[in-house]
Amino acid sequence: MYFEFKKDEYKSARGTYSRLLNLFCRVCGEKILVYQKDGPGNLRRLYFDRIFSPKKWTNLESKPLNAVQILSCPKCKEDIGTPYIYKKENRKAFQIYQDALIKKIRKLKVG
């Protein structure tokens, strides 16, 4: 599957460094989603507009916050994050629980 980085004011504010991450459940190892991480630092929240797959977790930014369910593992049902609004940027995101995810950088396919 091919993904293209999202380029917007948020990416610009964090510098030019972005990477795609495959995120896995810490408990059972199930792949949860593909996410674009912009800038340096730890992964503390997952912005809705940076989630690429699966479809269930994409385009959530257009939904009201109370219509978005808690992010949980589809296999073992472990809770991973809670939807909220990141006040500093007024953006919808999942506040992820500490050590709930394993992240692996996704290699980009060229050509």
C-alpha atoms as a PDB file:
ATOM      1  CA  MET A   1       0.000   0.000   0.000  1.00  0.00           C
ATOM      2  CA  TYR A   2       1.290   3.462  -0.913  1.00  0.00           C
ATOM      3  CA  PHE A   3       0.985   6.454   1.422  1.00  0.00           C
ATOM      4  CA  GLU A   4       1.893  10.073   0.756  1.00  0.00           C
ATOM      5  CA  PHE A   5       2.964  12.383   3.588  1.00  0.00           C
ATOM      6  CA  LYS A   6       0.499  15.071   4.557  1.00  0.00           C
ATOM      7  CA  LYS A   7       2.062  18.509   4.267  1.00  0.00           C
ATOM      8  CA  ASP A   8       0.328  21.324   6.134  1.00  0.00           C
ATOM      9  CA  GLU A   9       0.926  24.029   8.728  1.00  0.00           C
ATOM     10  CA  TYR A  10       1.321  21.431  11.497  1.00  0.00           C
ATOM     11  CA  LYS A  11       4.106  19.612   9.650  1.00  0.00           C
ATOM     12  CA  SER A  12       5.816  22.951   8.942  1.00  0.00           C
ATOM     13  CA  ALA A  13       5.627  23.932  12.626  1.00  0.00           C
ATOM     14  CA  ARG A  14       7.447  20.738  13.657  1.00  0.00           C
ATOM     15  CA  GLY A  15      10.201  20.947  11.053  1.00  0.00           C
ATOM     16  CA  THR A  16      10.645  18.904   7.917  1.00  0.00           C
ATOM     17  CA  TYR A  17      11.257  15.517   9.533  1.00  0.00           C
ATOM     18  CA  SER A  18       8.365  13.063   9.148  1.00  0.00           C
ATOM     19  CA  ARG A  19       8.091   9.294   9.181  1.00  0.00           C
ATOM     20  CA  LEU A  20       5.398   6.688   8.811  1.00  0.00           C
ATOM     21  CA  LEU A  21       4.979   4.362  11.766  1.00  0.00           C
ATOM     22  CA  ASN A  22       3.338   0.974  12.041  1.00  0.00           C
ATOM     23  CA  LEU A  23       1.793   0.893  15.519  1.00  0.00           C
ATOM     24  CA  PHE A  24       1.225  -2.409  17.323  1.00  0.00           C
ATOM     25  CA  CYS A  25      -0.560  -3.427  20.526  1.00  0.00           C
ATOM     26  CA  ARG A  26       1.921  -3.829  23.387  1.00  0.00           C
ATOM     27  CA  VAL A  27      -0.117  -6.707  24.865  1.00  0.00           C
ATOM     28  CA  CYS A  28      -0.708  -9.036  21.899  1.00  0.00           C
ATOM     29  CA  GLY A  29       1.375  -7.567  19.059  1.00  0.00           C
ATOM     30  CA  GLU A  30      -1.585  -6.947  16.735  1.00  0.00           C
ATOM     31  CA  LYS A  31      -1.078  -4.151  14.177  1.00  0.00           C
ATOM     32  CA  ILE A  32      -3.381  -1.268  15.129  1.00  0.00           C
ATOM     33  CA  LEU A  33      -2.735   1.444  12.528  1.00  0.00           C
ATOM     34  CA  VAL A  34      -0.351   3.349  10.248  1.00  0.00           C
ATOM     35  CA  TYR A  35       0.459   6.854  11.463  1.00  0.00           C
ATOM     36  CA  GLN A  36       2.466   9.860  10.238  1.00  0.00           C
ATOM     37  CA  LYS A  37       4.712  11.223  13.005  1.00  0.00           C
ATOM     38  CA  ASP A  38       5.983  14.757  12.367  1.00  0.00           C
ATOM     39  CA  GLY A  39       9.003  16.175  14.170  1.00  0.00           C
ATOM     40  CA  PRO A  40      11.201  14.804  16.934  1.00  0.00           C
ATOM     41  CA  GLY A  41      10.147  13.560  20.349  1.00  0.00           C
ATOM     42  CA  ASN A  42       8.044  10.843  21.892  1.00  0.00           C
ATOM     43  CA  LEU A  43       4.690   9.701  20.599  1.00  0.00           C
ATOM     44  CA  ARG A  44       2.204  11.131  23.125  1.00  0.00           C
ATOM     45  CA  ARG A  45      -0.901  11.604  20.997  1.00  0.00           C
ATOM     46  CA  LEU A  46      -2.246  10.442  17.658  1.00  0.00           C
ATOM     47  CA  TYR A  47      -3.791  13.259  15.642  1.00  0.00           C
ATOM     48  CA  PHE A  48      -6.854  12.069  13.749  1.00  0.00           C
ATOM     49  CA  ASP A  49      -5.697  13.657  10.485  1.00  0.00           C
ATOM     50  CA  ARG A  50      -2.405  11.719  10.557  1.00  0.00           C
ATOM     51  CA  ILE A  51      -3.922   8.212  10.711  1.00  0.00           C
ATOM     52  CA  PHE A  52      -3.630   6.462   7.326  1.00  0.00           C
ATOM     53  CA  SER A  53      -5.120   3.014   7.936  1.00  0.00           C
ATOM     54  CA  PRO A  54      -7.219   1.018   8.648  1.00  0.00           C
ATOM     55  CA  LYS A  55     -10.332   2.740   7.290  1.00  0.00           C
ATOM     56  CA  LYS A  56     -12.087   2.451  10.675  1.00  0.00           C
ATOM     57  CA  TRP A  57      -9.654   5.023  12.130  1.00  0.00           C
ATOM     58  CA  THR A  58      -9.350   7.404   9.154  1.00  0.00           C
ATOM     59  CA  ASN A  59     -11.253  10.673   8.582  1.00  0.00           C
ATOM     60  CA  LEU A  60     -12.223  10.937  12.259  1.00  0.00           C
ATOM     61  CA  GLU A  61     -11.467  14.687  12.295  1.00  0.00           C
ATOM     62  CA  SER A  62     -14.823  15.323  10.585  1.00  0.00           C
ATOM     63  CA  LYS A  63     -16.799  13.492  13.307  1.00  0.00           C
ATOM     64  CA  PRO A  64     -17.947  15.026  16.594  1.00  0.00           C
ATOM     65  CA  LEU A  65     -15.636  13.962  19.425  1.00  0.00           C
ATOM     66  CA  ASN A  66     -18.397  12.144  21.318  1.00  0.00           C
ATOM     67  CA  ALA A  67     -19.002   9.947  18.231  1.00  0.00           C
ATOM     68  CA  VAL A  68     -15.406   8.648  18.275  1.00  0.00           C
ATOM     69  CA  GLN A  69     -14.861   5.510  20.313  1.00  0.00           C
ATOM     70  CA  ILE A  70     -11.862   4.751  22.530  1.00  0.00           C
ATOM     71  CA  LEU A  71      -8.922   3.412  20.530  1.00  0.00           C
ATOM     72  CA  SER A  72      -8.512  -0.237  21.431  1.00  0.00           C
ATOM     73  CA  CYS A  73      -6.856  -3.336  20.037  1.00  0.00           C
ATOM     74  CA  PRO A  74      -9.177  -5.230  17.664  1.00  0.00           C
ATOM     75  CA  LYS A  75      -7.708  -8.559  18.831  1.00  0.00           C
ATOM     76  CA  CYS A  76      -7.298  -8.425  22.624  1.00  0.00           C
ATOM     77  CA  LYS A  77      -9.525  -5.350  23.287  1.00  0.00           C
ATOM     78  CA  GLU A  78      -6.787  -3.584  25.307  1.00  0.00           C
ATOM     79  CA  ASP A  79      -7.519   0.162  25.584  1.00  0.00           C
ATOM     80  CA  ILE A  80      -4.844   2.235  23.843  1.00  0.00           C
ATOM     81  CA  GLY A  81      -6.075   5.826  23.824  1.00  0.00           C
ATOM     82  CA  THR A  82      -8.898   8.251  24.533  1.00  0.00           C
ATOM     83  CA  PRO A  83     -10.226  10.832  22.060  1.00  0.00           C
ATOM     84  CA  TYR A  84      -9.757  14.453  23.143  1.00  0.00           C
ATOM     85  CA  ILE A  85      -8.996  17.911  21.772  1.00  0.00           C
ATOM     86  CA  TYR A  86      -5.352  18.970  22.013  1.00  0.00           C
ATOM     87  CA  LYS A  87      -5.974  22.527  23.227  1.00  0.00           C
ATOM     88  CA  LYS A  88      -2.648  24.035  22.117  1.00  0.00           C
ATOM     89  CA  GLU A  89      -3.524  23.454  18.442  1.00  0.00           C
ATOM     90  CA  ASN A  90      -7.286  22.858  18.756  1.00  0.00           C
ATOM     91  CA  ARG A  91      -6.883  19.478  17.030  1.00  0.00           C
ATOM     92  CA  LYS A  92      -8.689  16.214  17.634  1.00  0.00           C
ATOM     93  CA  ALA A  93      -6.417  13.384  18.727  1.00  0.00           C
ATOM     94  CA  PHE A  94      -6.147  10.218  20.779  1.00  0.00           C
ATOM     95  CA  GLN A  95      -4.279  10.679  24.045  1.00  0.00           C
ATOM     96  CA  ILE A  96      -2.399   7.406  24.101  1.00  0.00           C
ATOM     97  CA  TYR A  97      -1.686   5.550  27.290  1.00  0.00           C
ATOM     98  CA  GLN A  98       1.955   5.246  28.276  1.00  0.00           C
ATOM     99  CA  ASP A  99       3.630   2.158  26.794  1.00  0.00           C
ATOM    100  CA  ALA A 100       0.385   1.000  25.123  1.00  0.00           C
ATOM    101  CA  LEU A 101       1.961   0.841  21.658  1.00  0.00           C
ATOM    102  CA  ILE A 102       5.017  -0.587  19.975  1.00  0.00           C
ATOM    103  CA  LYS A 103       6.146   1.552  17.065  1.00  0.00           C
ATOM    104  CA  LYS A 104       8.163   0.507  14.035  1.00  0.00           C
ATOM    105  CA  ILE A 105       9.245   2.877  11.292  1.00  0.00           C
ATOM    106  CA  ARG A 106       7.634   1.913   8.018  1.00  0.00           C
ATOM    107  CA  LYS A 107       9.966   1.806   5.025  1.00  0.00           C
ATOM    108  CA  LEU A 108       8.756   3.829   2.073  1.00  0.00           C
ATOM    109  CA  LYS A 109       8.436   1.937  -1.194  1.00  0.00           C
ATOM    110  CA  VAL A 110      10.173   3.794  -4.007  1.00  0.00           C
ATOM    111  CA  GLY A 111       9.347   3.216  -7.679  1.00  0.00           C
END
